[in-house]
Amino acid sequence: MPYIKPEDRTRAAKLPETPGELNYAITTLVVDYLRSTGKDSHYAGLNEAIGALECAKLELYRRVVVPHEIWACQRNGDVY
């Protein structure tokens, strides 16, 4: 996890402005979830969190990245 200045953490957790702050916000959200549910010390809970992150990544790719790539390919031509 990137180490961001203490004075930036509250804002970054709610509205990250850099990739490092986004990493911080996601990490703290997941850690808070794991602690609040008591799943922070069990492999199954940690595995569930990794699975949720993976699914969120895939959904972001499917819903945001793929349409952008299709648009860019149509605009600029295929490279293959």
N, C-alpha and C. Protein backbone atom coordinates (compact mmCIF):
# COMPACT_ATOMS: atom_id res chain seq x y z
N MET A 1 0.85 -1.18 0.00
CA MET A 1 0.00 0.00 0.00
C MET A 1 0.89 1.23 0.00
N PRO A 2 0.55 2.22 -0.80
CA PRO A 2 1.34 3.44 -0.77
C PRO A 2 1.14 4.17 0.55
N TYR A 3 2.19 4.78 0.98
CA TYR A 3 2.12 5.54 2.22
C TYR A 3 1.90 7.00 1.88
N ILE A 4 0.74 7.49 2.23
CA ILE A 4 0.41 8.88 1.93
C ILE A 4 0.46 9.67 3.23
N LYS A 5 0.60 10.95 3.09
CA LYS A 5 0.73 11.83 4.26
C LYS A 5 -0.50 11.70 5.14
N PRO A 6 -0.29 11.69 6.46
CA PRO A 6 -1.43 11.57 7.38
C PRO A 6 -2.51 12.62 7.15
N GLU A 7 -2.11 13.83 6.80
CA GLU A 7 -3.10 14.89 6.60
C GLU A 7 -3.93 14.69 5.33
N ASP A 8 -3.49 13.82 4.43
CA ASP A 8 -4.23 13.56 3.20
C ASP A 8 -5.15 12.34 3.29
N ARG A 9 -5.02 11.56 4.35
CA ARG A 9 -5.70 10.26 4.40
C ARG A 9 -7.22 10.35 4.47
N THR A 10 -7.77 11.25 5.24
CA THR A 10 -9.22 11.36 5.36
C THR A 10 -9.83 11.71 4.01
N ARG A 11 -9.26 12.71 3.34
CA ARG A 11 -9.76 13.10 2.03
C ARG A 11 -9.56 11.99 1.01
N ALA A 12 -8.37 11.40 1.01
CA ALA A 12 -8.04 10.37 0.03
C ALA A 12 -8.94 9.14 0.18
N ALA A 13 -9.34 8.82 1.39
CA ALA A 13 -10.21 7.67 1.61
C ALA A 13 -11.59 7.90 0.99
N LYS A 14 -12.00 9.16 0.89
CA LYS A 14 -13.31 9.47 0.33
C LYS A 14 -13.24 9.90 -1.13
N LEU A 15 -12.21 10.64 -1.49
CA LEU A 15 -12.10 11.18 -2.85
C LEU A 15 -10.64 11.19 -3.29
N PRO A 16 -10.12 10.02 -3.69
CA PRO A 16 -8.72 9.95 -4.08
C PRO A 16 -8.44 10.76 -5.34
N GLU A 17 -7.24 11.35 -5.39
CA GLU A 17 -6.86 12.19 -6.52
C GLU A 17 -5.68 11.63 -7.31
N THR A 18 -5.03 10.61 -6.80
CA THR A 18 -3.88 10.02 -7.47
C THR A 18 -4.02 8.50 -7.45
N PRO A 19 -3.27 7.79 -8.29
CA PRO A 19 -3.32 6.33 -8.23
C PRO A 19 -2.94 5.79 -6.85
N GLY A 20 -1.96 6.41 -6.21
CA GLY A 20 -1.57 5.98 -4.87
C GLY A 20 -2.69 6.18 -3.87
N GLU A 21 -3.37 7.29 -3.97
CA GLU A 21 -4.51 7.54 -3.07
C GLU A 21 -5.66 6.60 -3.36
N LEU A 22 -5.87 6.26 -4.62
CA LEU A 22 -6.91 5.29 -4.96
C LEU A 22 -6.57 3.94 -4.35
N ASN A 23 -5.32 3.52 -4.44
CA ASN A 23 -4.87 2.28 -3.82
C ASN A 23 -5.11 2.34 -2.32
N TYR A 24 -4.78 3.45 -1.69
CA TYR A 24 -5.00 3.64 -0.26
C TYR A 24 -6.48 3.50 0.08
N ALA A 25 -7.34 4.16 -0.68
CA ALA A 25 -8.78 4.14 -0.41
C ALA A 25 -9.34 2.73 -0.53
N ILE A 26 -8.96 2.02 -1.56
CA ILE A 26 -9.44 0.66 -1.75
C ILE A 26 -8.94 -0.25 -0.63
N THR A 27 -7.66 -0.14 -0.34
CA THR A 27 -7.07 -0.99 0.70
C THR A 27 -7.72 -0.75 2.06
N THR A 28 -7.90 0.52 2.43
CA THR A 28 -8.50 0.79 3.73
C THR A 28 -9.97 0.34 3.77
N LEU A 29 -10.69 0.46 2.67
CA LEU A 29 -12.07 -0.01 2.62
C LEU A 29 -12.13 -1.52 2.85
N VAL A 30 -11.26 -2.25 2.18
CA VAL A 30 -11.26 -3.71 2.32
C VAL A 30 -10.82 -4.11 3.73
N VAL A 31 -9.79 -3.47 4.25
CA VAL A 31 -9.33 -3.80 5.61
C VAL A 31 -10.42 -3.49 6.63
N ASP A 32 -11.10 -2.36 6.49
CA ASP A 32 -12.19 -2.03 7.41
C ASP A 32 -13.30 -3.07 7.32
N TYR A 33 -13.63 -3.50 6.11
CA TYR A 33 -14.65 -4.55 5.94
C TYR A 33 -14.22 -5.83 6.64
N LEU A 34 -12.99 -6.25 6.39
CA LEU A 34 -12.51 -7.49 6.99
C LEU A 34 -12.53 -7.41 8.51
N ARG A 35 -12.10 -6.30 9.07
CA ARG A 35 -12.10 -6.14 10.54
C ARG A 35 -13.51 -6.10 11.10
N SER A 36 -14.40 -5.38 10.44
CA SER A 36 -15.76 -5.23 10.98
C SER A 36 -16.55 -6.52 10.92
N THR A 37 -16.19 -7.40 9.99
CA THR A 37 -16.89 -8.67 9.87
C THR A 37 -16.16 -9.81 10.60
N GLY A 38 -15.00 -9.51 11.15
CA GLY A 38 -14.22 -10.52 11.85
C GLY A 38 -13.54 -11.51 10.91
N LYS A 39 -13.43 -11.14 9.65
CA LYS A 39 -12.84 -12.05 8.67
C LYS A 39 -11.37 -11.74 8.40
N ASP A 40 -10.78 -10.85 9.18
CA ASP A 40 -9.41 -10.42 8.92
C ASP A 40 -8.35 -11.44 9.32
N SER A 41 -8.72 -12.45 10.07
CA SER A 41 -7.72 -13.43 10.50
C SER A 41 -8.02 -14.83 9.99
N HIS A 42 -8.94 -14.94 9.05
CA HIS A 42 -9.29 -16.24 8.50
C HIS A 42 -9.03 -16.25 7.00
N TYR A 43 -8.42 -17.32 6.54
CA TYR A 43 -8.09 -17.41 5.12
C TYR A 43 -9.34 -17.26 4.25
N ALA A 44 -10.44 -17.87 4.68
CA ALA A 44 -11.66 -17.81 3.87
C ALA A 44 -12.11 -16.36 3.67
N GLY A 45 -12.06 -15.56 4.72
CA GLY A 45 -12.46 -14.16 4.61
C GLY A 45 -11.52 -13.37 3.73
N LEU A 46 -10.23 -13.61 3.88
CA LEU A 46 -9.25 -12.92 3.04
C LEU A 46 -9.44 -13.32 1.58
N ASN A 47 -9.72 -14.60 1.36
CA ASN A 47 -9.97 -15.09 0.01
C ASN A 47 -11.23 -14.46 -0.58
N GLU A 48 -12.26 -14.29 0.24
CA GLU A 48 -13.49 -13.62 -0.23
C GLU A 48 -13.20 -12.19 -0.67
N ALA A 49 -12.37 -11.49 0.11
CA ALA A 49 -12.04 -10.10 -0.23
C ALA A 49 -11.29 -10.04 -1.55
N ILE A 50 -10.32 -10.93 -1.74
CA ILE A 50 -9.57 -10.97 -3.00
C ILE A 50 -10.52 -11.27 -4.16
N GLY A 51 -11.47 -12.19 -3.94
CA GLY A 51 -12.45 -12.51 -4.98
C GLY A 51 -13.31 -11.32 -5.34
N ALA A 52 -13.73 -10.55 -4.33
CA ALA A 52 -14.54 -9.36 -4.60
C ALA A 52 -13.74 -8.33 -5.38
N LEU A 53 -12.48 -8.15 -5.01
CA LEU A 53 -11.63 -7.22 -5.75
C LEU A 53 -11.44 -7.66 -7.20
N GLU A 54 -11.23 -8.95 -7.39
CA GLU A 54 -11.05 -9.47 -8.75
C GLU A 54 -12.30 -9.25 -9.59
N CYS A 55 -13.46 -9.52 -9.00
CA CYS A 55 -14.72 -9.32 -9.74
C CYS A 55 -14.95 -7.85 -10.04
N ALA A 56 -14.60 -6.97 -9.10
CA ALA A 56 -14.73 -5.53 -9.35
C ALA A 56 -13.81 -5.10 -10.48
N LYS A 57 -12.60 -5.65 -10.51
CA LYS A 57 -11.65 -5.35 -11.59
C LYS A 57 -12.22 -5.79 -12.93
N LEU A 58 -12.73 -7.00 -12.97
CA LEU A 58 -13.27 -7.52 -14.23
C LEU A 58 -14.49 -6.72 -14.69
N GLU A 59 -15.33 -6.32 -13.76
CA GLU A 59 -16.51 -5.52 -14.12
C GLU A 59 -16.10 -4.15 -14.66
N LEU A 60 -15.10 -3.54 -14.03
CA LEU A 60 -14.59 -2.25 -14.52
C LEU A 60 -14.04 -2.41 -15.93
N TYR A 61 -13.31 -3.48 -16.15
CA TYR A 61 -12.76 -3.73 -17.48
C TYR A 61 -13.88 -3.90 -18.51
N ARG A 62 -14.86 -4.72 -18.16
CA ARG A 62 -15.96 -5.02 -19.09
C ARG A 62 -16.80 -3.79 -19.38
N ARG A 63 -17.13 -3.02 -18.36
CA ARG A 63 -18.07 -1.90 -18.54
C ARG A 63 -17.42 -0.59 -18.96
N VAL A 64 -16.14 -0.40 -18.64
CA VAL A 64 -15.49 0.88 -18.92
C VAL A 64 -14.38 0.75 -19.96
N VAL A 65 -13.49 -0.20 -19.76
CA VAL A 65 -12.33 -0.30 -20.64
C VAL A 65 -12.70 -0.82 -22.02
N VAL A 66 -13.48 -1.89 -22.09
CA VAL A 66 -13.84 -2.46 -23.40
C VAL A 66 -14.54 -1.44 -24.29
N PRO A 67 -15.57 -0.73 -23.80
CA PRO A 67 -16.18 0.28 -24.68
C PRO A 67 -15.18 1.34 -25.15
N HIS A 68 -14.26 1.74 -24.28
CA HIS A 68 -13.25 2.72 -24.67
C HIS A 68 -12.35 2.14 -25.77
N GLU A 69 -11.92 0.89 -25.61
CA GLU A 69 -11.06 0.26 -26.61
C GLU A 69 -11.78 0.12 -27.95
N ILE A 70 -13.05 -0.22 -27.93
CA ILE A 70 -13.83 -0.32 -29.17
C ILE A 70 -13.90 1.04 -29.86
N TRP A 71 -14.18 2.08 -29.08
CA TRP A 71 -14.24 3.44 -29.62
C TRP A 71 -12.89 3.84 -30.23
N ALA A 72 -11.79 3.56 -29.50
CA ALA A 72 -10.47 3.95 -29.99
C ALA A 72 -10.11 3.19 -31.26
N CYS A 73 -10.48 1.92 -31.32
CA CYS A 73 -10.20 1.11 -32.51
C CYS A 73 -10.97 1.66 -33.71
N GLN A 74 -12.22 2.00 -33.51
CA GLN A 74 -13.04 2.54 -34.59
C GLN A 74 -12.50 3.91 -35.04
N ARG A 75 -12.05 4.71 -34.11
CA ARG A 75 -11.57 6.04 -34.41
C ARG A 75 -10.20 6.00 -35.10
N ASN A 76 -9.32 5.13 -34.62
CA ASN A 76 -7.93 5.14 -35.07
C ASN A 76 -7.55 3.98 -35.97
N GLY A 77 -8.44 3.00 -36.10
CA GLY A 77 -8.12 1.83 -36.89
C GLY A 77 -7.48 0.73 -36.05
N ASP A 78 -7.71 -0.49 -36.45
CA ASP A 78 -7.18 -1.63 -35.74
C ASP A 78 -5.68 -1.72 -35.97
N VAL A 79 -4.94 -2.18 -34.98
CA VAL A 79 -3.50 -2.29 -35.11
C VAL A 79 -3.06 -3.68 -35.56
N TYR A 80 -3.97 -4.63 -35.60
CA TYR A 80 -3.61 -5.99 -35.98
C TYR A 80 -3.92 -6.24 -37.43
